Amino acid sequence: MESGQRPGLLSGMSLETLRRAYSAPESELTEEEAASTLFRFFRSTHVVDLRLIVVTILGLLGLYIIIIIVGFVIIISGFVEFILPMKVKEIEPDLAIKLIGPAVAIAGLIISWAYKAASTRLGIIDLFGCEIATICRVGTIFDIGMYYVRAYEGQAGVMDDSAEKRGSSDTYTSKEDYFPIFDKNSSDLQLLEALIVCRITEFYTFMKATRDTQRRLATILPPKETDLPEGAAAGGQMPWHTAALDVVYMIFLGYEAGRKAIHHLVEFEPGAAENTIVIMITELTCYGFLLGKLKGDPRYPRLCLRGETYKEITPMLYLKIVSNHGKADGYWRPARELLPWLRERYERALGETMDEALSRTRLLAEQAGTARGAA
């Protein structure tokens, strides 16, 4: 059992559990607590509307009970006997229960519905978050971005054995279902907010386009070195190189959309940080390659705009992981283990060292803090 984990969280409830769910800082939560529906109902940004409904109902119920109690106190005290024809002795002893009981029952039904709706919505969030993170992790494990970059540059084995595999590639048709969650639960996306739906849909669309471009690439015979016209390998003028460049571009767009989706879907900070690094390792690999190959292409200006985003989010992520050293150490360790890999890919893609990026980010943070202090 990992340090700090509380056994039996879901097997028994207590006032302490409710207190932690409502007020404990995020950094003090264990992975089990952060994943429980109870804790997420009080904290998740995905159920703000349902949480508002519950708070409103509880507020109205409390106000109603106070009004009933105050009314009974006034009547029993005899202060309004000259206005109300009702005598104290005419009031039924259980009238308060009859008035309050149905209100409590109705409020309980509404709260129960809200909690069930939150559980369903969070379940959909978890399903898509898990599938997107897993698909991206598999691609990074095989370093798919670097593989196609090397293939384009004539350094991968695919350049050597494609001629022998050409016959089988021409008739290859994939029958595997790589997106079971999306295919079977896409109708449930209507339960989520528009921005999240957009990010999820972008990811699956780009990944399916990646598979299509991979199949198209498999049907084109890679040119031999002697067949390449001057500058073809560098400019991607041969059909095979054009197709390979399309594969890298689709992988880049898919992983970029996956990172944005994970940002919304995974709320446990150590898990979100780890998944983001796993995605950015491949994303930055493809980005750096495309930046060097698409100069003069209509897509190049949009790629350049992304550079500022990477220079902002990557060092911030790096500092966040480093600063959490020692806090729930077991949860943050997987992300810290990936930092050298992230550093190497960032420096190769952006053309600056991570130390320079970290210094710039610290300086900006200090300036922002000074400005807030002066205000």
Protein backbone atom coordinates (compact mmCIF):
# COMPACT_ATOMS: atom_id res chain seq x y z
CA MET A 1 0.00 0.00 0.00
CA GLU A 2 1.34 3.42 -0.96
CA SER A 3 2.24 5.91 1.70
CA GLY A 4 -0.64 8.07 2.84
CA GLN A 5 -3.34 5.85 1.36
CA ARG A 6 -6.40 5.47 3.54
CA PRO A 7 -7.77 1.92 3.46
CA GLY A 8 -11.49 1.46 3.40
CA LEU A 9 -12.34 4.93 2.11
CA LEU A 10 -15.30 3.72 0.14
CA SER A 11 -16.29 0.94 2.54
CA GLY A 12 -17.41 3.32 5.29
CA MET A 13 -18.41 6.95 5.54
CA SER A 14 -17.79 9.34 8.40
CA LEU A 15 -17.93 13.02 9.17
CA GLU A 16 -14.16 13.16 8.71
CA THR A 17 -14.55 11.74 5.20
CA LEU A 18 -17.11 14.40 4.34
CA ARG A 19 -14.89 17.10 5.83
CA ARG A 20 -11.90 16.01 3.76
CA ALA A 21 -14.05 15.75 0.64
CA TYR A 22 -15.22 19.32 1.11
CA SER A 23 -12.21 21.17 2.47
CA ALA A 24 -8.95 19.17 2.33
CA PRO A 25 -6.30 20.76 0.02
CA GLU A 26 -5.69 18.97 -3.28
CA SER A 27 -2.08 18.26 -2.33
CA GLU A 28 -3.22 16.26 0.73
CA LEU A 29 -5.55 13.93 -1.17
CA THR A 30 -4.52 10.37 -1.89
CA GLU A 31 -5.05 8.82 -5.31
CA GLU A 32 -7.99 6.81 -3.98
CA GLU A 33 -9.65 9.90 -2.52
CA ALA A 34 -9.08 11.95 -5.66
CA ALA A 35 -10.67 9.19 -7.74
CA SER A 36 -13.77 8.67 -5.57
CA THR A 37 -17.09 10.03 -6.78
CA LEU A 38 -17.82 11.54 -3.37
CA PHE A 39 -14.66 13.66 -3.34
CA ARG A 40 -15.00 14.63 -6.99
CA PHE A 41 -18.61 15.68 -6.49
CA PHE A 42 -17.36 18.46 -4.21
CA ARG A 43 -14.33 19.38 -6.34
CA SER A 44 -14.63 18.45 -10.01
CA THR A 45 -15.15 21.20 -12.56
CA HIS A 46 -17.24 18.77 -14.61
CA VAL A 47 -20.16 18.77 -12.17
CA VAL A 48 -20.35 22.45 -11.21
CA ASP A 49 -23.96 22.70 -12.40
CA LEU A 50 -25.05 19.64 -10.42
CA ARG A 51 -23.20 20.88 -7.34
CA LEU A 52 -24.99 24.22 -7.69
CA ILE A 53 -28.34 22.44 -7.81
CA VAL A 54 -27.55 20.56 -4.60
CA VAL A 55 -26.36 23.69 -2.80
CA THR A 56 -29.47 25.59 -3.91
CA ILE A 57 -31.79 22.81 -2.77
CA LEU A 58 -30.08 22.55 0.61
CA GLY A 59 -30.24 26.33 1.02
CA LEU A 60 -33.95 26.45 0.19
CA LEU A 61 -34.65 23.48 2.46
CA GLY A 62 -32.81 25.14 5.33
CA LEU A 63 -34.67 28.40 4.76
CA TYR A 64 -37.99 26.56 4.67
CA ILE A 65 -37.24 24.73 7.92
CA ILE A 66 -36.21 27.97 9.62
CA ILE A 67 -39.44 29.66 8.51
CA ILE A 68 -41.52 26.76 9.88
CA ILE A 69 -39.65 26.76 13.19
CA VAL A 70 -39.86 30.53 13.60
CA GLY A 71 -43.56 30.44 12.75
CA PHE A 72 -44.24 27.80 15.40
CA VAL A 73 -42.26 29.74 17.98
CA ILE A 74 -44.25 32.89 17.26
CA ILE A 75 -47.59 31.08 17.40
CA ILE A 76 -46.77 29.17 20.57
CA SER A 77 -45.52 32.34 22.27
CA GLY A 78 -48.94 33.91 21.68
CA PHE A 79 -47.57 37.08 20.09
CA VAL A 80 -49.87 36.84 17.06
CA GLU A 81 -52.90 35.34 18.72
CA PHE A 82 -54.87 38.54 18.13
CA ILE A 83 -54.21 38.20 14.33
CA LEU A 84 -54.57 34.43 13.88
CA PRO A 85 -57.85 32.84 14.97
CA MET A 86 -55.86 29.66 15.65
CA LYS A 87 -55.30 28.81 19.30
CA VAL A 88 -52.19 27.05 20.56
CA LYS A 89 -54.25 24.12 21.67
CA GLU A 90 -55.68 23.80 18.14
CA ILE A 91 -52.21 23.16 16.62
CA GLU A 92 -51.54 19.50 15.99
CA PRO A 93 -48.37 18.27 17.75
CA ASP A 94 -47.03 16.66 14.58
CA LEU A 95 -47.87 19.54 12.24
CA ALA A 96 -44.21 20.55 11.95
CA ILE A 97 -43.29 17.04 10.88
CA LYS A 98 -46.08 17.01 8.30
CA LEU A 99 -44.83 20.30 6.88
CA ILE A 100 -41.12 19.53 6.91
CA GLY A 101 -41.19 15.81 6.07
CA PRO A 102 -42.32 16.08 2.42
CA ALA A 103 -39.88 18.93 1.79
CA VAL A 104 -37.00 16.81 3.11
CA ALA A 105 -38.11 13.87 0.97
CA ILE A 106 -38.30 15.99 -2.19
CA ALA A 107 -34.89 17.53 -1.47
CA GLY A 108 -33.45 14.07 -0.88
CA LEU A 109 -34.75 12.85 -4.24
CA ILE A 110 -33.24 15.83 -6.05
CA ILE A 111 -29.87 15.38 -4.30
CA SER A 112 -29.90 11.65 -5.07
CA TRP A 113 -30.60 12.38 -8.75
CA ALA A 114 -27.81 14.97 -8.86
CA TYR A 115 -25.29 12.59 -7.31
CA LYS A 116 -26.25 9.80 -9.72
CA ALA A 117 -26.01 12.18 -12.68
CA ALA A 118 -22.58 13.32 -11.45
CA SER A 119 -21.43 9.71 -11.14
CA THR A 120 -22.55 8.99 -14.71
CA ARG A 121 -20.88 12.10 -16.09
CA LEU A 122 -17.62 11.45 -14.25
CA GLY A 123 -17.68 7.87 -15.48
CA ILE A 124 -17.81 9.08 -19.07
CA ILE A 125 -14.97 11.49 -18.35
CA ASP A 126 -12.87 8.66 -16.92
CA LEU A 127 -13.58 6.32 -19.84
CA PHE A 128 -12.45 8.81 -22.47
CA GLY A 129 -9.56 10.05 -20.37
CA CYS A 130 -8.27 6.52 -19.88
CA GLU A 131 -8.57 5.56 -23.55
CA ILE A 132 -6.92 8.74 -24.85
CA ALA A 133 -4.07 8.48 -22.34
CA THR A 134 -3.53 4.80 -23.13
CA ILE A 135 -3.49 5.29 -26.90
CA CYS A 136 -0.96 8.10 -26.59
CA ARG A 137 1.13 6.09 -24.14
CA VAL A 138 1.34 3.15 -26.54
CA GLY A 139 2.52 5.44 -29.33
CA THR A 140 5.17 7.00 -27.10
CA ILE A 141 6.36 3.60 -25.85
CA PHE A 142 7.13 2.67 -29.45
CA ASP A 143 8.38 6.24 -30.08
CA ILE A 144 6.15 6.45 -33.13
CA GLY A 145 7.04 10.06 -33.82
CA MET A 146 10.78 9.39 -33.95
CA TYR A 147 10.20 6.25 -36.02
CA TYR A 148 8.54 8.15 -38.86
CA VAL A 149 11.00 11.01 -38.62
CA ARG A 150 13.84 8.54 -39.09
CA ALA A 151 11.92 6.76 -41.84
CA TYR A 152 11.53 10.06 -43.69
CA GLU A 153 15.26 10.68 -43.36
CA GLY A 154 16.08 7.18 -44.58
CA GLN A 155 17.33 5.91 -41.19
CA ALA A 156 14.61 3.44 -40.24
CA GLY A 157 14.29 -0.20 -41.17
CA VAL A 158 11.09 0.52 -43.06
CA MET A 159 13.20 2.01 -45.84
CA ASP A 160 15.06 -1.27 -46.23
CA ASP A 161 12.34 -3.91 -46.08
CA SER A 162 9.35 -2.13 -47.58
CA ALA A 163 10.02 -3.61 -51.00
CA GLU A 164 9.66 -7.13 -49.61
CA LYS A 165 6.50 -6.18 -47.70
CA ARG A 166 4.95 -4.23 -50.55
CA GLY A 167 2.83 -7.13 -51.73
CA SER A 168 1.19 -7.65 -48.35
CA SER A 169 0.86 -3.90 -47.74
CA ASP A 170 -1.15 -3.37 -50.92
CA THR A 171 -3.88 -5.69 -49.69
CA TYR A 172 -3.62 -4.85 -45.99
CA THR A 173 -6.85 -3.91 -44.27
CA SER A 174 -6.93 -3.33 -40.54
CA LYS A 175 -9.78 -5.11 -38.76
CA GLU A 176 -8.75 -4.10 -35.26
CA ASP A 177 -10.92 -1.77 -33.20
CA TYR A 178 -8.50 0.68 -31.59
CA PHE A 179 -11.13 3.07 -30.24
CA PRO A 180 -13.76 0.89 -28.47
CA ILE A 181 -14.72 3.51 -25.89
CA PHE A 182 -15.33 6.21 -28.47
CA ASP A 183 -17.14 3.89 -30.89
CA LYS A 184 -19.52 2.53 -28.25
CA ASN A 185 -19.99 5.62 -26.07
CA SER A 186 -19.86 8.53 -28.49
CA SER A 187 -23.54 9.26 -27.83
CA ASP A 188 -22.67 9.95 -24.18
CA LEU A 189 -20.57 12.94 -25.20
CA GLN A 190 -23.75 15.01 -25.08
CA LEU A 191 -23.45 14.89 -21.29
CA LEU A 192 -20.19 16.86 -21.41
CA GLU A 193 -19.44 20.51 -22.07
CA ALA A 194 -18.88 21.73 -25.61
CA LEU A 195 -15.13 22.43 -25.25
CA ILE A 196 -14.43 18.96 -23.87
CA VAL A 197 -16.49 17.35 -26.63
CA CYS A 198 -14.50 19.35 -29.18
CA ARG A 199 -11.14 18.20 -27.77
CA ILE A 200 -12.20 14.56 -27.61
CA THR A 201 -13.62 14.58 -31.13
CA GLU A 202 -10.49 16.26 -32.49
CA PHE A 203 -8.28 13.58 -30.97
CA TYR A 204 -10.18 10.63 -32.43
CA THR A 205 -10.59 12.29 -35.81
CA PHE A 206 -6.88 13.01 -36.12
CA MET A 207 -5.91 9.52 -34.92
CA LYS A 208 -8.21 7.91 -37.46
CA ALA A 209 -6.70 10.18 -40.12
CA THR A 210 -3.28 8.99 -38.91
CA ARG A 211 -4.27 5.38 -39.59
CA ASP A 212 -5.49 6.36 -43.06
CA THR A 213 -2.23 8.11 -43.90
CA GLN A 214 -0.25 5.14 -42.56
CA ARG A 215 -2.17 2.78 -44.84
CA ARG A 216 -1.57 5.10 -47.78
CA LEU A 217 2.13 5.24 -46.96
CA ALA A 218 2.26 1.44 -46.85
CA THR A 219 1.08 1.24 -50.45
CA ILE A 220 3.90 3.47 -51.77
CA LEU A 221 7.28 1.93 -52.47
CA PRO A 222 10.05 3.91 -50.71
CA PRO A 223 12.52 5.23 -53.27
CA LYS A 224 16.06 3.97 -53.20
CA GLU A 225 18.83 6.45 -52.52
CA THR A 226 19.92 6.30 -56.16
CA ASP A 227 16.39 7.14 -57.34
CA LEU A 228 16.10 10.34 -55.32
CA PRO A 229 16.42 13.58 -57.28
CA GLU A 230 18.62 16.22 -55.69
CA GLY A 231 16.95 17.73 -52.64
CA ALA A 232 14.03 15.29 -52.67
CA ALA A 233 14.77 13.78 -49.27
CA ALA A 234 15.12 17.21 -47.71
CA GLY A 235 12.05 18.74 -49.32
CA GLY A 236 9.73 15.75 -49.34
CA GLN A 237 9.10 16.02 -53.12
CA MET A 238 8.87 12.28 -53.76
CA PRO A 239 5.43 10.70 -53.21
CA TRP A 240 6.70 8.47 -50.41
CA HIS A 241 8.23 11.41 -48.56
CA THR A 242 5.07 13.47 -49.01
CA ALA A 243 3.02 10.62 -47.53
CA ALA A 244 5.47 10.16 -44.66
CA LEU A 245 5.31 13.87 -43.90
CA ASP A 246 1.51 13.62 -43.78
CA VAL A 247 1.78 10.78 -41.28
CA VAL A 248 4.01 12.83 -39.00
CA TYR A 249 1.69 15.82 -39.30
CA MET A 250 -1.39 13.75 -38.38
CA ILE A 251 0.44 12.21 -35.43
CA PHE A 252 1.36 15.70 -34.26
CA LEU A 253 -2.22 16.97 -34.52
CA GLY A 254 -3.55 13.86 -32.79
CA TYR A 255 -1.16 14.12 -29.85
CA GLU A 256 -1.74 17.86 -29.55
CA ALA A 257 -5.49 17.25 -29.34
CA GLY A 258 -4.85 14.42 -26.88
CA ARG A 259 -2.84 16.72 -24.60
CA LYS A 260 -5.63 19.30 -24.63
CA ALA A 261 -8.21 16.61 -23.91
CA ILE A 262 -6.19 15.19 -21.00
CA HIS A 263 -5.95 18.70 -19.55
CA HIS A 264 -9.73 18.67 -19.16
CA LEU A 265 -10.32 14.98 -18.47
CA VAL A 266 -7.71 14.04 -15.84
CA GLU A 267 -8.02 16.05 -12.62
CA PHE A 268 -5.64 14.12 -10.35
CA GLU A 269 -2.57 16.35 -10.72
CA PRO A 270 0.22 13.71 -10.60
CA GLY A 271 -1.63 11.56 -13.14
CA ALA A 272 -2.36 14.53 -15.39
CA ALA A 273 1.30 15.61 -15.27
CA GLU A 274 2.55 12.13 -16.18
CA ASN A 275 0.10 11.74 -19.07
CA THR A 276 0.92 15.22 -20.37
CA ILE A 277 4.65 14.46 -20.45
CA VAL A 278 4.05 11.12 -22.18
CA ILE A 279 2.08 12.94 -24.88
CA MET A 280 4.50 15.87 -25.23
CA ILE A 281 7.45 13.55 -25.81
CA THR A 282 5.93 12.46 -29.11
CA GLU A 283 4.25 15.81 -29.82
CA LEU A 284 7.49 17.78 -29.52
CA THR A 285 9.36 15.24 -31.65
CA CYS A 286 6.89 15.71 -34.48
CA TYR A 287 6.73 19.48 -33.97
CA GLY A 288 10.48 20.00 -34.27
CA PHE A 289 10.61 17.89 -37.42
CA LEU A 290 7.66 19.64 -39.07
CA LEU A 291 9.07 23.06 -38.20
CA GLY A 292 12.14 22.26 -40.26
CA LYS A 293 10.33 20.64 -43.20
CA LEU A 294 7.29 22.87 -43.77
CA LYS A 295 8.96 26.23 -44.35
CA GLY A 296 7.08 27.92 -47.17
CA ASP A 297 4.07 25.66 -46.58
CA PRO A 298 0.70 27.28 -45.65
CA ARG A 299 0.78 25.29 -42.42
CA TYR A 300 4.09 26.78 -41.30
CA PRO A 301 2.73 30.04 -39.72
CA ARG A 302 0.34 28.04 -37.53
CA LEU A 303 3.22 25.83 -36.43
CA CYS A 304 5.27 28.89 -35.46
CA LEU A 305 2.43 30.16 -33.29
CA ARG A 306 2.53 26.93 -31.30
CA GLY A 307 6.16 27.57 -30.41
CA GLU A 308 5.21 30.28 -27.91
CA THR A 309 2.72 27.92 -26.31
CA TYR A 310 5.35 25.22 -25.83
CA LYS A 311 7.80 27.74 -24.40
CA GLU A 312 5.16 28.67 -21.83
CA ILE A 313 3.56 25.37 -20.82
CA THR A 314 6.60 23.08 -20.89
CA PRO A 315 8.79 24.87 -18.30
CA MET A 316 5.70 25.50 -16.15
CA LEU A 317 4.95 21.78 -16.16
CA TYR A 318 8.60 21.01 -15.45
CA LEU A 319 8.71 23.37 -12.46
CA LYS A 320 5.40 22.08 -11.13
CA ILE A 321 6.68 18.50 -11.05
CA VAL A 322 10.03 19.46 -9.52
CA SER A 323 8.37 21.63 -6.86
CA ASN A 324 6.19 18.71 -5.74
CA HIS A 325 9.20 16.62 -4.77
CA GLY A 326 8.46 15.05 -1.40
CA LYS A 327 4.71 15.77 -1.54
CA ALA A 328 2.92 12.45 -1.99
CA ASP A 329 6.22 11.39 -3.50
CA GLY A 330 4.98 8.06 -4.81
CA TYR A 331 2.34 9.75 -6.96
CA TRP A 332 4.68 12.31 -8.53
CA ARG A 333 7.63 9.98 -9.10
CA PRO A 334 6.44 8.57 -12.49
CA ALA A 335 6.23 12.10 -13.86
CA ARG A 336 9.67 13.04 -12.47
CA GLU A 337 11.23 9.98 -14.08
CA LEU A 338 10.13 11.28 -17.48
CA LEU A 339 11.62 14.76 -17.09
CA PRO A 340 14.98 13.98 -18.74
CA TRP A 341 13.16 12.65 -21.79
CA LEU A 342 10.96 15.75 -21.91
CA ARG A 343 14.02 17.99 -21.56
CA GLU A 344 15.80 16.31 -24.47
CA ARG A 345 12.80 16.50 -26.83
CA TYR A 346 12.04 20.11 -25.87
CA GLU A 347 15.59 21.28 -26.51
CA ARG A 348 15.70 19.50 -29.86
CA ALA A 349 12.35 20.92 -31.02
CA LEU A 350 12.52 24.50 -29.71
CA GLY A 351 16.21 25.24 -30.11
CA GLU A 352 16.75 26.46 -26.55
CA THR A 353 17.89 24.70 -23.41
CA MET A 354 15.43 23.79 -20.69
CA ASP A 355 17.52 25.78 -18.20
CA GLU A 356 16.97 28.92 -20.28
CA ALA A 357 13.25 28.24 -20.41
CA LEU A 358 13.09 27.64 -16.66
CA SER A 359 14.97 30.85 -15.92
CA ARG A 360 12.62 32.84 -18.14
CA THR A 361 9.56 31.27 -16.49
CA ARG A 362 10.86 32.00 -12.98
CA LEU A 363 11.60 35.60 -13.95
CA LEU A 364 8.11 36.09 -15.37
CA ALA A 365 6.58 34.57 -12.23
CA GLU A 366 8.60 36.94 -10.03
CA GLN A 367 7.57 39.94 -12.11
CA ALA A 368 3.92 38.90 -11.94
CA GLY A 369 4.19 38.51 -8.17
CA THR A 370 5.77 41.95 -7.84
CA ALA A 371 3.03 43.49 -9.96
CA ARG A 372 0.31 41.88 -7.83
CA GLY A 373 2.03 43.10 -4.68
CA ALA A 374 2.22 46.65 -6.01
CA ALA A 375 -1.47 46.53 -6.97
